[in-house]
C-alpha atoms as a PDB file:
ATOM      1  CA  MET A   1     111.268 108.993 103.335  1.00  0.00           C
ATOM      2  CA  VAL A   2     107.834 108.653 101.481  1.00  0.00           C
ATOM      3  CA  SER A   3     108.065 108.091  97.858  1.00  0.00           C
ATOM      4  CA  GLN A   4     105.459 107.969  95.102  1.00  0.00           C
ATOM      5  CA  PRO A   5     104.770 104.518  93.488  1.00  0.00           C
ATOM      6  CA  PHE A   6     106.236 105.386  90.087  1.00  0.00           C
ATOM      7  CA  SER A   7     109.631 106.690  91.400  1.00  0.00           C
ATOM      8  CA  ARG A   8     111.572 103.366  90.820  1.00  0.00           C
ATOM      9  CA  MET A   9     110.496 102.525  87.317  1.00  0.00           C
ATOM     10  CA  VAL A  10     113.241 101.623  84.808  1.00  0.00           C
ATOM     11  CA  ILE A  11     112.631 104.346  82.204  1.00  0.00           C
ATOM     12  CA  ALA A  12     112.228 102.920  78.527  1.00  0.00           C
ATOM     13  CA  PRO A  13     114.511 104.336  75.796  1.00  0.00           C
ATOM     14  CA  ASN A  14     112.989 106.480  73.098  1.00  0.00           C
ATOM     15  CA  ASP A  15     113.895 103.954  70.380  1.00  0.00           C
ATOM     16  CA  PRO A  16     114.847 100.321  70.329  1.00  0.00           C
ATOM     17  CA  GLU A  17     118.141 101.313  68.731  1.00  0.00           C
ATOM     18  CA  GLU A  18     119.277 102.345  72.097  1.00  0.00           C
ATOM     19  CA  ILE A  19     118.913  98.828  73.295  1.00  0.00           C
ATOM     20  CA  ILE A  20     120.284  97.261  70.181  1.00  0.00           C
ATOM     21  CA  LYS A  21     123.467  99.122  70.255  1.00  0.00           C
ATOM     22  CA  ILE A  22     124.326  98.174  73.757  1.00  0.00           C
ATOM     23  CA  ALA A  23     123.443  94.621  73.146  1.00  0.00           C
ATOM     24  CA  ILE A  24     125.583  94.481  69.969  1.00  0.00           C
ATOM     25  CA  SER A  25     128.511  96.063  71.833  1.00  0.00           C
ATOM     26  CA  ARG A  26     128.265  93.557  74.600  1.00  0.00           C
ATOM     27  CA  ALA A  27     127.888  90.630  72.254  1.00  0.00           C
ATOM     28  CA  LYS A  28     131.076  91.823  70.309  1.00  0.00           C
ATOM     29  CA  LYS A  29     132.947  91.587  73.483  1.00  0.00           C
ATOM     30  CA  ARG A  30     132.381  87.963  73.918  1.00  0.00           C
ATOM     31  CA  ASN A  31     135.839  86.944  72.473  1.00  0.00           C
ATOM     32  CA  LEU A  32     136.254  83.359  73.703  1.00  0.00           C
ATOM     33  CA  GLY A  33     139.805  83.064  72.414  1.00  0.00           C
ATOM     34  CA  LEU A  34     139.114  79.467  71.319  1.00  0.00           C
ATOM     35  CA  LYS A  35     141.624  77.171  69.545  1.00  0.00           C
ATOM     36  CA  GLY A  36     141.253  73.983  67.504  1.00  0.00           C
ATOM     37  CA  ASP A  37     138.599  72.989  65.122  1.00  0.00           C
ATOM     38  CA  LYS A  38     137.208  75.909  63.079  1.00  0.00           C
ATOM     39  CA  LEU A  39     133.692  74.849  62.807  1.00  0.00           C
ATOM     40  CA  VAL A  40     133.544  74.262  66.568  1.00  0.00           C
ATOM     41  CA  LYS A  41     135.245  77.699  67.097  1.00  0.00           C
ATOM     42  CA  VAL A  42     132.657  79.441  64.653  1.00  0.00           C
ATOM     43  CA  LYS A  43     129.623  77.692  66.305  1.00  0.00           C
ATOM     44  CA  THR A  44     130.707  78.515  69.844  1.00  0.00           C
ATOM     45  CA  THR A  45     131.585  82.095  68.965  1.00  0.00           C
ATOM     46  CA  SER A  46     128.129  82.586  67.166  1.00  0.00           C
ATOM     47  CA  LEU A  47     126.293  80.996  70.069  1.00  0.00           C
ATOM     48  CA  ALA A  48     128.126  83.318  72.532  1.00  0.00           C
ATOM     49  CA  TYR A  49     127.226  86.314  70.308  1.00  0.00           C
ATOM     50  CA  LEU A  50     123.464  85.427  69.770  1.00  0.00           C
ATOM     51  CA  SER A  51     123.031  84.336  73.468  1.00  0.00           C
ATOM     52  CA  THR A  52     124.485  87.612  74.731  1.00  0.00           C
ATOM     53  CA  LEU A  53     122.614  89.827  72.238  1.00  0.00           C
ATOM     54  CA  TYR A  54     119.284  88.305  72.859  1.00  0.00           C
ATOM     55  CA  ASN A  55     119.582  87.828  76.584  1.00  0.00           C
ATOM     56  CA  TYR A  56     120.586  91.541  77.358  1.00  0.00           C
ATOM     57  CA  THR A  57     117.644  92.542  75.249  1.00  0.00           C
ATOM     58  CA  ILE A  58     115.228  90.319  76.959  1.00  0.00           C
ATOM     59  CA  ILE A  59     116.308  91.246  80.420  1.00  0.00           C
ATOM     60  CA  ARG A  60     116.192  94.893  79.550  1.00  0.00           C
ATOM     61  CA  LEU A  61     112.630  94.683  78.240  1.00  0.00           C
ATOM     62  CA  ARG A  62     111.483  92.815  81.185  1.00  0.00           C
ATOM     63  CA  ARG A  63     113.165  95.074  83.692  1.00  0.00           C
ATOM     64  CA  ILE A  64     111.105  97.896  82.123  1.00  0.00           C
ATOM     65  CA  CYS A  65     107.865  96.250  82.285  1.00  0.00           C
ATOM     66  CA  LEU A  66     108.245  94.668  85.726  1.00  0.00           C
ATOM     67  CA  SER A  67     109.327  97.985  87.238  1.00  0.00           C
ATOM     68  CA  VAL A  68     105.923  99.604  86.590  1.00  0.00           C
ATOM     69  CA  PRO A  69     103.574  99.141  89.499  1.00  0.00           C
ATOM     70  CA  ARG A  70     100.344  97.398  88.782  1.00  0.00           C
ATOM     71  CA  ILE A  71      97.998 100.231  88.450  1.00  0.00           C
ATOM     72  CA  ASP A  72      94.958  98.256  89.546  1.00  0.00           C
ATOM     73  CA  ASN A  73      96.751  97.519  92.896  1.00  0.00           C
ATOM     74  CA  LEU A  74      97.473 101.112  93.663  1.00  0.00           C
ATOM     75  CA  HIS A  75      95.943 103.192  96.345  1.00  0.00           C
ATOM     76  CA  PRO A  76      92.811 104.751  94.921  1.00  0.00           C
ATOM     77  CA  PHE A  77      94.263 108.337  95.200  1.00  0.00           C
ATOM     78  CA  TYR A  78      97.145 107.362  92.903  1.00  0.00           C
ATOM     79  CA  ARG A  79      94.964 105.292  90.704  1.00  0.00           C
ATOM     80  CA  GLU A  80      92.794 108.361  90.012  1.00  0.00           C
ATOM     81  CA  LEU A  81      95.749 110.447  89.348  1.00  0.00           C
ATOM     82  CA  THR A  82      97.052 108.032  86.977  1.00  0.00           C
ATOM     83  CA  SER A  83      93.776 107.785  85.034  1.00  0.00           C
ATOM     84  CA  LEU A  84      93.927 111.676  85.034  1.00  0.00           C
ATOM     85  CA  LEU A  85      97.445 111.921  83.580  1.00  0.00           C
ATOM     86  CA  ILE A  86      97.740 108.938  80.864  1.00  0.00           C
ATOM     87  CA  ASP A  87      95.707 106.520  78.882  1.00  0.00           C
ATOM     88  CA  ILE A  88      95.849 103.564  81.283  1.00  0.00           C
ATOM     89  CA  ASN A  89      94.717 100.998  78.510  1.00  0.00           C
ATOM     90  CA  ARG A  90      97.311 102.279  76.017  1.00  0.00           C
ATOM     91  CA  PHE A  91      99.888 102.095  78.683  1.00  0.00           C
ATOM     92  CA  LYS A  92      98.978  98.350  79.642  1.00  0.00           C
ATOM     93  CA  LYS A  93      98.853  97.417  76.077  1.00  0.00           C
ATOM     94  CA  ALA A  94     102.290  98.793  75.207  1.00  0.00           C
ATOM     95  CA  LEU A  95     103.723  97.156  78.360  1.00  0.00           C
ATOM     96  CA  ALA A  96     102.179  93.875  77.470  1.00  0.00           C
ATOM     97  CA  LYS A  97     103.597  93.933  73.858  1.00  0.00           C
ATOM     98  CA  LEU A  98     106.890  94.751  75.359  1.00  0.00           C
ATOM     99  CA  TYR A  99     106.742  91.741  77.619  1.00  0.00           C
ATOM    100  CA  SER A 100     105.301  89.506  74.736  1.00  0.00           C
ATOM    101  CA  ALA A 101     108.312  90.522  72.536  1.00  0.00           C
ATOM    102  CA  SER A 102     110.652  89.319  75.312  1.00  0.00           C
ATOM    103  CA  LYS A 103     109.019  85.973  75.230  1.00  0.00           C
ATOM    104  CA  VAL A 104     109.197  85.896  71.449  1.00  0.00           C
ATOM    105  CA  LEU A 105     112.901  86.676  71.580  1.00  0.00           C
ATOM    106  CA  GLU A 106     113.295  83.739  74.096  1.00  0.00           C
ATOM    107  CA  GLY A 107     111.656  81.381  71.795  1.00  0.00           C
ATOM    108  CA  ILE A 108     113.546  82.582  68.786  1.00  0.00           C
ATOM    109  CA  LEU A 109     116.966  82.170  70.805  1.00  0.00           C
ATOM    110  CA  ASP A 110     116.090  78.594  71.537  1.00  0.00           C
ATOM    111  CA  GLU A 111     115.227  77.846  67.915  1.00  0.00           C
ATOM    112  CA  GLU A 112     118.476  79.610  66.458  1.00  0.00           C
ATOM    113  CA  ARG A 113     120.620  78.082  69.086  1.00  0.00           C
ATOM    114  CA  ASP A 114     119.308  74.534  68.252  1.00  0.00           C
ATOM    115  CA  LYS A 115     120.072  75.138  64.557  1.00  0.00           C
ATOM    116  CA  LEU A 116     123.461  76.376  65.216  1.00  0.00           C
ATOM    117  CA  ARG A 117     124.296  73.209  67.203  1.00  0.00           C
ATOM    118  CA  LYS A 118     123.060  71.193  64.164  1.00  0.00           C
ATOM    119  CA  ALA A 119     124.940  73.264  61.598  1.00  0.00           C
ATOM    120  CA  ARG A 120     127.017  70.839  59.494  1.00  0.00           C
ATOM    121  CA  ASN A 121     129.447  73.407  58.296  1.00  0.00           C
ATOM    122  CA  ILE A 122     130.631  77.116  58.449  1.00  0.00           C
ATOM    123  CA  ARG A 123     128.264  78.129  55.706  1.00  0.00           C
ATOM    124  CA  GLU A 124     125.179  76.870  57.584  1.00  0.00           C
ATOM    125  CA  VAL A 125     126.314  78.357  60.890  1.00  0.00           C
ATOM    126  CA  LYS A 126     126.656  81.961  59.033  1.00  0.00           C
ATOM    127  CA  LEU A 127     123.188  81.493  57.426  1.00  0.00           C
ATOM    128  CA  VAL A 128     121.581  80.566  60.925  1.00  0.00           C
ATOM    129  CA  LYS A 129     123.358  83.577  62.565  1.00  0.00           C
ATOM    130  CA  LYS A 130     122.065  85.816  59.626  1.00  0.00           C
ATOM    131  CA  GLU A 131     118.683  84.543  60.101  1.00  0.00           C
ATOM    132  CA  ALA A 132     118.827  84.964  63.973  1.00  0.00           C
ATOM    133  CA  LEU A 133     119.807  88.481  63.517  1.00  0.00           C
ATOM    134  CA  GLY A 134     117.104  89.362  61.140  1.00  0.00           C
ATOM    135  CA  ARG A 135     114.344  87.875  63.409  1.00  0.00           C
ATOM    136  CA  TYR A 136     115.909  89.854  66.133  1.00  0.00           C
ATOM    137  CA  PHE A 137     115.824  93.222  64.281  1.00  0.00           C
ATOM    138  CA  SER A 138     112.401  92.600  63.076  1.00  0.00           C
ATOM    139  CA  VAL A 139     111.021  92.032  66.738  1.00  0.00           C
ATOM    140  CA  MET A 140     112.931  95.106  67.936  1.00  0.00           C
ATOM    141  CA  ASP A 141     111.655  97.296  64.925  1.00  0.00           C
ATOM    142  CA  SER A 142     108.108  96.431  65.975  1.00  0.00           C
ATOM    143  CA  LEU A 143     108.367  97.912  69.379  1.00  0.00           C
ATOM    144  CA  LYS A 144     109.308 101.571  68.080  1.00  0.00           C
ATOM    145  CA  GLU A 145     105.833 103.087  68.701  1.00  0.00           C
ATOM    146  CA  ASP A 146     105.411 101.165  72.052  1.00  0.00           C
ATOM    147  CA  LEU A 147     108.629 102.276  73.630  1.00  0.00           C
ATOM    148  CA  LYS A 148     107.700 105.974  72.714  1.00  0.00           C
ATOM    149  CA  VAL A 149     104.396 105.537  74.384  1.00  0.00           C
ATOM    150  CA  ILE A 150     105.951 103.760  77.503  1.00  0.00           C
ATOM    151  CA  ARG A 151     108.637 106.344  78.023  1.00  0.00           C
ATOM    152  CA  GLY A 152     106.239 109.339  77.593  1.00  0.00           C
ATOM    153  CA  TYR A 153     103.960 107.906  80.131  1.00  0.00           C
ATOM    154  CA  GLN A 154     106.809 107.038  82.613  1.00  0.00           C
ATOM    155  CA  LEU A 155     108.124 110.480  82.372  1.00  0.00           C
ATOM    156  CA  THR A 156     104.757 111.925  83.073  1.00  0.00           C
ATOM    157  CA  LEU A 157     104.049 109.564  86.057  1.00  0.00           C
ATOM    158  CA  GLY A 158     107.517 110.041  87.282  1.00  0.00           C
ATOM    159  CA  ARG A 159     106.909 113.815  87.875  1.00  0.00           C
ATOM    160  CA  LEU A 160     104.255 112.964  90.369  1.00  0.00           C
ATOM    161  CA  GLN A 161     105.198 114.079  93.894  1.00  0.00           C
ATOM    162  CA  ALA A 162     105.152 112.034  96.977  1.00  0.00           C
ATOM    163  CA  ILE A 163     101.929 112.311  99.152  1.00  0.00           C
ATOM    164  CA  ASP A 164     101.291 109.192 101.411  1.00  0.00           C
ATOM    165  CA  PRO A 165      97.614 108.445 101.007  1.00  0.00           C
ATOM    166  CA  GLU A 166      97.823 105.953 103.973  1.00  0.00           C
ATOM    167  CA  VAL A 167      98.772 108.923 106.296  1.00  0.00           C
ATOM    168  CA  LYS A 168      95.943 110.846 108.109  1.00  0.00           C
ATOM    169  CA  THR A 169      95.456 113.997 105.931  1.00  0.00           C
ATOM    170  CA  ILE A 170      93.857 117.303 106.486  1.00  0.00           C
ATOM    171  CA  VAL A 171      92.820 119.163 103.412  1.00  0.00           C
ATOM    172  CA  ILE A 172      92.690 123.059 103.536  1.00  0.00           C
ATOM    173  CA  ALA A 173      89.889 124.293 101.167  1.00  0.00           C
ATOM    174  CA  GLY A 174      88.410 127.647 100.373  1.00  0.00           C
ATOM    175  CA  PRO A 175      88.314 130.409  97.883  1.00  0.00           C
ATOM    176  CA  PRO A 176      91.651 132.153  96.727  1.00  0.00           C
ATOM    177  CA  ASN A 177      93.283 134.454  99.139  1.00  0.00           C
ATOM    178  CA  VAL A 178      91.369 133.503 102.185  1.00  0.00           C
ATOM    179  CA  GLY A 179      94.496 132.437 103.994  1.00  0.00           C
ATOM    180  CA  LYS A 180      94.982 128.640 103.245  1.00  0.00           C
ATOM    181  CA  SER A 181      98.660 128.615 102.684  1.00  0.00           C
ATOM    182  CA  SER A 182      99.182 130.737 105.864  1.00  0.00           C
ATOM    183  CA  LEU A 183      97.145 128.340 107.897  1.00  0.00           C
ATOM    184  CA  VAL A 184      99.231 125.443 106.583  1.00  0.00           C
ATOM    185  CA  ARG A 185     102.478 127.344 107.529  1.00  0.00           C
ATOM    186  CA  VAL A 186     101.074 128.118 111.092  1.00  0.00           C
ATOM    187  CA  LEU A 187      99.891 124.389 111.705  1.00  0.00           C
ATOM    188  CA  SER A 188     103.012 122.788 110.393  1.00  0.00           C
ATOM    189  CA  ARG A 189     105.726 121.680 112.862  1.00  0.00           C
ATOM    190  CA  ALA A 190     108.455 122.570 110.075  1.00  0.00           C
ATOM    191  CA  LYS A 191     108.561 124.654 106.888  1.00  0.00           C
ATOM    192  CA  PRO A 192     105.801 123.155 104.450  1.00  0.00           C
ATOM    193  CA  GLU A 193     107.142 121.729 101.393  1.00  0.00           C
ATOM    194  CA  VAL A 194     105.869 123.088  97.882  1.00  0.00           C
ATOM    195  CA  ARG A 195     105.197 120.341  95.345  1.00  0.00           C
ATOM    196  CA  GLU A 196     104.232 120.737  91.739  1.00  0.00           C
ATOM    197  CA  TYR A 197     101.311 118.735  90.518  1.00  0.00           C
ATOM    198  CA  PRO A 198     100.372 118.202  86.940  1.00  0.00           C
ATOM    199  CA  PHE A 199      96.621 118.900  87.394  1.00  0.00           C
ATOM    200  CA  THR A 200      96.866 122.306  88.731  1.00  0.00           C
ATOM    201  CA  THR A 201      98.646 125.439  87.568  1.00  0.00           C
ATOM    202  CA  LYS A 202      99.730 126.150  91.070  1.00  0.00           C
ATOM    203  CA  SER A 203     101.644 124.142  93.702  1.00  0.00           C
ATOM    204  CA  LEU A 204     100.621 122.129  96.654  1.00  0.00           C
ATOM    205  CA  THR A 205     101.706 123.067  99.884  1.00  0.00           C
ATOM    206  CA  VAL A 206     102.376 119.987 102.153  1.00  0.00           C
ATOM    207  CA  GLY A 207     102.768 120.527 105.839  1.00  0.00           C
ATOM    208  CA  HIS A 208     103.243 117.816 108.741  1.00  0.00           C
ATOM    209  CA  ILE A 209     102.070 117.450 112.209  1.00  0.00           C
ATOM    210  CA  GLU A 210     103.159 115.041 114.752  1.00  0.00           C
ATOM    211  CA  MET A 211     100.428 113.893 116.972  1.00  0.00           C
ATOM    212  CA  ASP A 212     100.685 112.923 120.768  1.00  0.00           C
ATOM    213  CA  ASP A 213     100.541 109.244 119.920  1.00  0.00           C
ATOM    214  CA  GLY A 214     103.524 109.755 117.585  1.00  0.00           C
ATOM    215  CA  SER A 215     101.765 109.383 114.379  1.00  0.00           C
ATOM    216  CA  LYS A 216     102.136 111.811 111.513  1.00  0.00           C
ATOM    217  CA  VAL A 217      99.357 114.137 109.986  1.00  0.00           C
ATOM    218  CA  GLN A 218      99.641 115.739 106.474  1.00  0.00           C
ATOM    219  CA  ILE A 219      98.230 119.167 105.817  1.00  0.00           C
ATOM    220  CA  VAL A 220      97.491 119.908 102.254  1.00  0.00           C
ATOM    221  CA  ASP A 221      96.649 123.128 100.680  1.00  0.00           C
ATOM    222  CA  THR A 222      94.973 122.684  97.379  1.00  0.00           C
ATOM    223  CA  PRO A 223      95.250 125.908  95.222  1.00  0.00           C
ATOM    224  CA  GLY A 224      93.391 125.628  91.917  1.00  0.00           C
ATOM    225  CA  LEU A 225      91.250 122.760  92.965  1.00  0.00           C
ATOM    226  CA  LEU A 226      88.869 123.406  95.997  1.00  0.00           C
ATOM    227  CA  ASP A 227      88.798 127.296  95.534  1.00  0.00           C
ATOM    228  CA  ARG A 228      86.017 127.691  93.006  1.00  0.00           C
ATOM    229  CA  PRO A 229      82.579 126.272  92.222  1.00  0.00           C
ATOM    230  CA  LEU A 230      82.894 122.732  90.553  1.00  0.00           C
ATOM    231  CA  SER A 231      80.536 123.756  87.782  1.00  0.00           C
ATOM    232  CA  SER A 232      83.232 125.809  86.303  1.00  0.00           C
ATOM    233  CA  ARG A 233      85.739 123.001  86.196  1.00  0.00           C
ATOM    234  CA  ASN A 234      87.109 121.020  83.280  1.00  0.00           C
ATOM    235  CA  LYS A 235      87.229 117.396  83.025  1.00  0.00           C
ATOM    236  CA  ILE A 236      90.833 117.049  84.343  1.00  0.00           C
ATOM    237  CA  GLU A 237      90.101 119.393  87.360  1.00  0.00           C
ATOM    238  CA  LEU A 238      86.996 117.339  88.271  1.00  0.00           C
ATOM    239  CA  GLN A 239      88.907 114.045  88.208  1.00  0.00           C
ATOM    240  CA  ALA A 240      91.665 115.757  90.435  1.00  0.00           C
ATOM    241  CA  VAL A 241      88.873 116.694  92.925  1.00  0.00           C
ATOM    242  CA  LEU A 242      87.821 113.218  92.848  1.00  0.00           C
ATOM    243  CA  ALA A 243      91.320 111.962  93.737  1.00  0.00           C
ATOM    244  CA  LEU A 244      91.377 114.271  96.843  1.00  0.00           C
ATOM    245  CA  ARG A 245      88.373 112.381  98.107  1.00  0.00           C
ATOM    246  CA  TYR A 246      90.624 109.483  98.756  1.00  0.00           C
ATOM    247  CA  LEU A 247      93.068 111.568 100.493  1.00  0.00           C
ATOM    248  CA  ALA A 248      91.080 113.769 102.886  1.00  0.00           C
ATOM    249  CA  ARG A 249      90.236 112.459 106.353  1.00  0.00           C
ATOM    250  CA  VAL A 250      89.007 115.806 107.378  1.00  0.00           C
ATOM    251  CA  ILE A 251      88.550 119.233 105.595  1.00  0.00           C
ATOM    252  CA  ILE A 252      89.154 122.701 107.092  1.00  0.00           C
ATOM    253  CA  PHE A 253      87.142 125.106 104.977  1.00  0.00           C
ATOM    254  CA  LEU A 254      88.250 128.718 105.289  1.00  0.00           C
ATOM    255  CA  ILE A 255      85.893 131.573 104.794  1.00  0.00           C
ATOM    256  CA  ASP A 256      87.022 135.169 104.720  1.00  0.00           C
ATOM    257  CA  PRO A 257      84.125 137.359 106.133  1.00  0.00           C
ATOM    258  CA  SER A 258      86.077 140.499 105.522  1.00  0.00           C
ATOM    259  CA  GLU A 259      85.819 139.768 101.777  1.00  0.00           C
ATOM    260  CA  THR A 260      89.372 141.115 101.452  1.00  0.00           C
ATOM    261  CA  CYS A 261      90.176 137.975  99.367  1.00  0.00           C
ATOM    262  CA  GLY A 262      88.376 139.589  96.591  1.00  0.00           C
ATOM    263  CA  TYR A 263      85.341 137.274  96.643  1.00  0.00           C
ATOM    264  CA  PRO A 264      81.947 138.202  98.138  1.00  0.00           C
ATOM    265  CA  LEU A 265      80.547 136.051 100.844  1.00  0.00           C
ATOM    266  CA  GLU A 266      77.966 134.449  98.399  1.00  0.00           C
ATOM    267  CA  ARG A 267      80.505 133.236  96.157  1.00  0.00           C
ATOM    268  CA  GLN A 268      82.539 131.881  99.079  1.00  0.00           C
ATOM    269  CA  LEU A 269      79.379 129.886 100.332  1.00  0.00           C
ATOM    270  CA  LYS A 270      78.755 128.623  96.869  1.00  0.00           C
ATOM    271  CA  VAL A 271      82.126 127.060  96.934  1.00  0.00           C
ATOM    272  CA  LEU A 272      81.590 125.728 100.407  1.00  0.00           C
ATOM    273  CA  ARG A 273      78.195 124.085  99.371  1.00  0.00           C
ATOM    274  CA  GLU A 274      79.788 122.363  96.350  1.00  0.00           C
ATOM    275  CA  VAL A 275      82.720 120.963  98.425  1.00  0.00           C
ATOM    276  CA  GLU A 276      80.052 119.622 100.960  1.00  0.00           C
ATOM    277  CA  GLU A 277      78.324 117.902  97.919  1.00  0.00           C
ATOM    278  CA  SER A 278      81.355 116.504  96.485  1.00  0.00           C
ATOM    279  CA  PHE A 279      82.822 115.335  99.838  1.00  0.00           C
ATOM    280  CA  LYS A 280      79.892 113.615 101.312  1.00  0.00           C
ATOM    281  CA  GLY A 281      81.030 111.582 104.218  1.00  0.00           C
ATOM    282  CA  VAL A 282      84.144 113.636 105.030  1.00  0.00           C
ATOM    283  CA  PRO A 283      83.752 115.840 108.014  1.00  0.00           C
ATOM    284  CA  ILE A 284      84.138 119.642 107.088  1.00  0.00           C
ATOM    285  CA  ILE A 285      85.317 121.924 109.818  1.00  0.00           C
ATOM    286  CA  LYS A 286      84.448 125.620 109.019  1.00  0.00           C
ATOM    287  CA  ALA A 287      86.635 128.445 110.102  1.00  0.00           C
ATOM    288  CA  LEU A 288      86.290 132.242 109.691  1.00  0.00           C
ATOM    289  CA  ASN A 289      89.694 133.574 108.968  1.00  0.00           C
ATOM    290  CA  LYS A 290      90.914 137.182 109.304  1.00  0.00           C
ATOM    291  CA  VAL A 291      88.744 137.909 112.393  1.00  0.00           C
ATOM    292  CA  ASP A 292      91.148 140.501 113.359  1.00  0.00           C
ATOM    293  CA  ILE A 293      90.215 142.716 110.507  1.00  0.00           C
ATOM    294  CA  THR A 294      86.614 141.837 110.324  1.00  0.00           C
ATOM    295  CA  PRO A 295      83.749 143.924 112.137  1.00  0.00           C
ATOM    296  CA  LYS A 296      82.213 141.965 114.851  1.00  0.00           C
ATOM    297  CA  GLU A 297      78.909 142.372 113.257  1.00  0.00           C
ATOM    298  CA  LYS A 298      79.892 140.811 109.901  1.00  0.00           C
ATOM    299  CA  ILE A 299      81.430 137.756 111.971  1.00  0.00           C
ATOM    300  CA  GLU A 300      78.050 137.279 113.660  1.00  0.00           C
ATOM    301  CA  GLU A 301      76.207 137.510 110.530  1.00  0.00           C
ATOM    302  CA  VAL A 302      78.321 134.942 108.778  1.00  0.00           C
ATOM    303  CA  THR A 303      78.097 132.595 111.871  1.00  0.00           C
ATOM    304  CA  ARG A 304      74.288 132.680 111.840  1.00  0.00           C
ATOM    305  CA  ILE A 305      74.359 132.036 108.014  1.00  0.00           C
ATOM    306  CA  LEU A 306      76.356 128.984 108.489  1.00  0.00           C
ATOM    307  CA  GLN A 307      74.220 127.523 111.363  1.00  0.00           C
ATOM    308  CA  ASP A 308      77.112 125.291 112.349  1.00  0.00           C
ATOM    309  CA  LYS A 309      79.925 125.389 114.789  1.00  0.00           C
ATOM    310  CA  VAL A 310      82.311 127.833 113.369  1.00  0.00           C
ATOM    311  CA  TYR A 311      85.951 128.605 114.590  1.00  0.00           C
ATOM    312  CA  ARG A 312      86.990 132.221 114.477  1.00  0.00           C
ATOM    313  CA  ILE A 313      90.775 132.546 113.835  1.00  0.00           C
ATOM    314  CA  SER A 314      93.457 134.667 112.182  1.00  0.00           C
ATOM    315  CA  ALA A 315      96.174 132.567 110.686  1.00  0.00           C
ATOM    316  CA  LEU A 316      98.248 135.613 110.385  1.00  0.00           C
ATOM    317  CA  ARG A 317      97.960 136.765 113.991  1.00  0.00           C
ATOM    318  CA  LYS A 318      97.788 133.155 115.288  1.00  0.00           C
ATOM    319  CA  ILE A 319      94.467 133.812 116.939  1.00  0.00           C
ATOM    320  CA  ASN A 320      92.534 130.561 118.015  1.00  0.00           C
ATOM    321  CA  VAL A 321      94.601 128.485 115.517  1.00  0.00           C
ATOM    322  CA  ASP A 322      95.735 126.235 118.436  1.00  0.00           C
ATOM    323  CA  VAL A 323      91.922 125.715 119.353  1.00  0.00           C
ATOM    324  CA  LEU A 324      91.146 124.780 115.718  1.00  0.00           C
ATOM    325  CA  LEU A 325      93.971 122.288 115.482  1.00  0.00           C
ATOM    326  CA  GLN A 326      93.147 120.592 118.715  1.00  0.00           C
ATOM    327  CA  GLU A 327      89.535 120.082 117.534  1.00  0.00           C
ATOM    328  CA  VAL A 328      90.858 118.741 114.141  1.00  0.00           C
ATOM    329  CA  LEU A 329      93.442 116.287 115.841  1.00  0.00           C
ATOM    330  CA  GLY A 330      90.970 115.169 118.476  1.00  0.00           C
ATOM    331  CA  TYR A 331      88.702 114.110 115.597  1.00  0.00           C
ATOM    332  CA  LEU A 332      91.431 112.253 113.869  1.00  0.00           C
ATOM    333  CA  LEU A 333      92.387 110.402 117.065  1.00  0.00           C
ATOM    334  CA  LYS A 334      88.732 109.606 117.809  1.00  0.00           C
ATOM    335  CA  ASN A 335      87.567 108.498 114.312  1.00  0.00           C
ATOM    336  CA  HIS A 336      90.883 107.025 112.679  1.00  0.00           C
END
């Protein structure tokens, strides 16, 4: 099953205290049950305590850092979404500080262990241990804000749904209520999945088709994104549209010539022109939906205006949907 790139992150705690409590608990359990010379016993016990405390913390911090995928290496689709959702530079700086802190702790542990080994009496051992604990708490206290930032961004990125950008993808576009979701349902081999995405107030509908060669195709309906003029978009929505450019291999643009969608033809064509402008290089196949309830003269009029090959379909009645599908799949086989 496809997973999104941030699904396996080790989530940072909200406060360093959560790491400290577990580290101390583990360190206290290191009861070595030693007998003999008291100085040797205190030294060995203190070494075990500090080693457990520091090493658990170092490993925990590094697991958090190393579990985050390198954003620069992500597919452009997910890279754009990441930049849309979080401050990437702030995230990188916080992660770098966390990893740097693990290196600092590693250095402190080496220094303090060396001092413990050289301690000449129990008083010196206790002083070294106290110093080591003070330095440990100082480093951890400096990570409070960074852990909060990392956790917040991780939780945001973890909510992204899985869409495989490497799979051939058909994007269904068009104004609201022209029948996009209905077309996805009709084209899909199984019931489409509904997925929440943080850049739109509505859900994405994702369906799948298996081609003759055994490969899979995703069909994505994008409510709230490619359904109205881009000139009315805010910055976040524009970036989300940009992300879709990396996903779409072909676009099916639906037009409702009956205008029962609630949008006049002129408005629908404006959306089409802006999608064409924004997705240069991506083939756009135009289809007139709801032909079963549209007067023939109106269909002919819209066909003349478009001056392109236009498919006349009814997603609801499944009229010519198979013809449209074969055209799209034929294009994908031929060009990808």
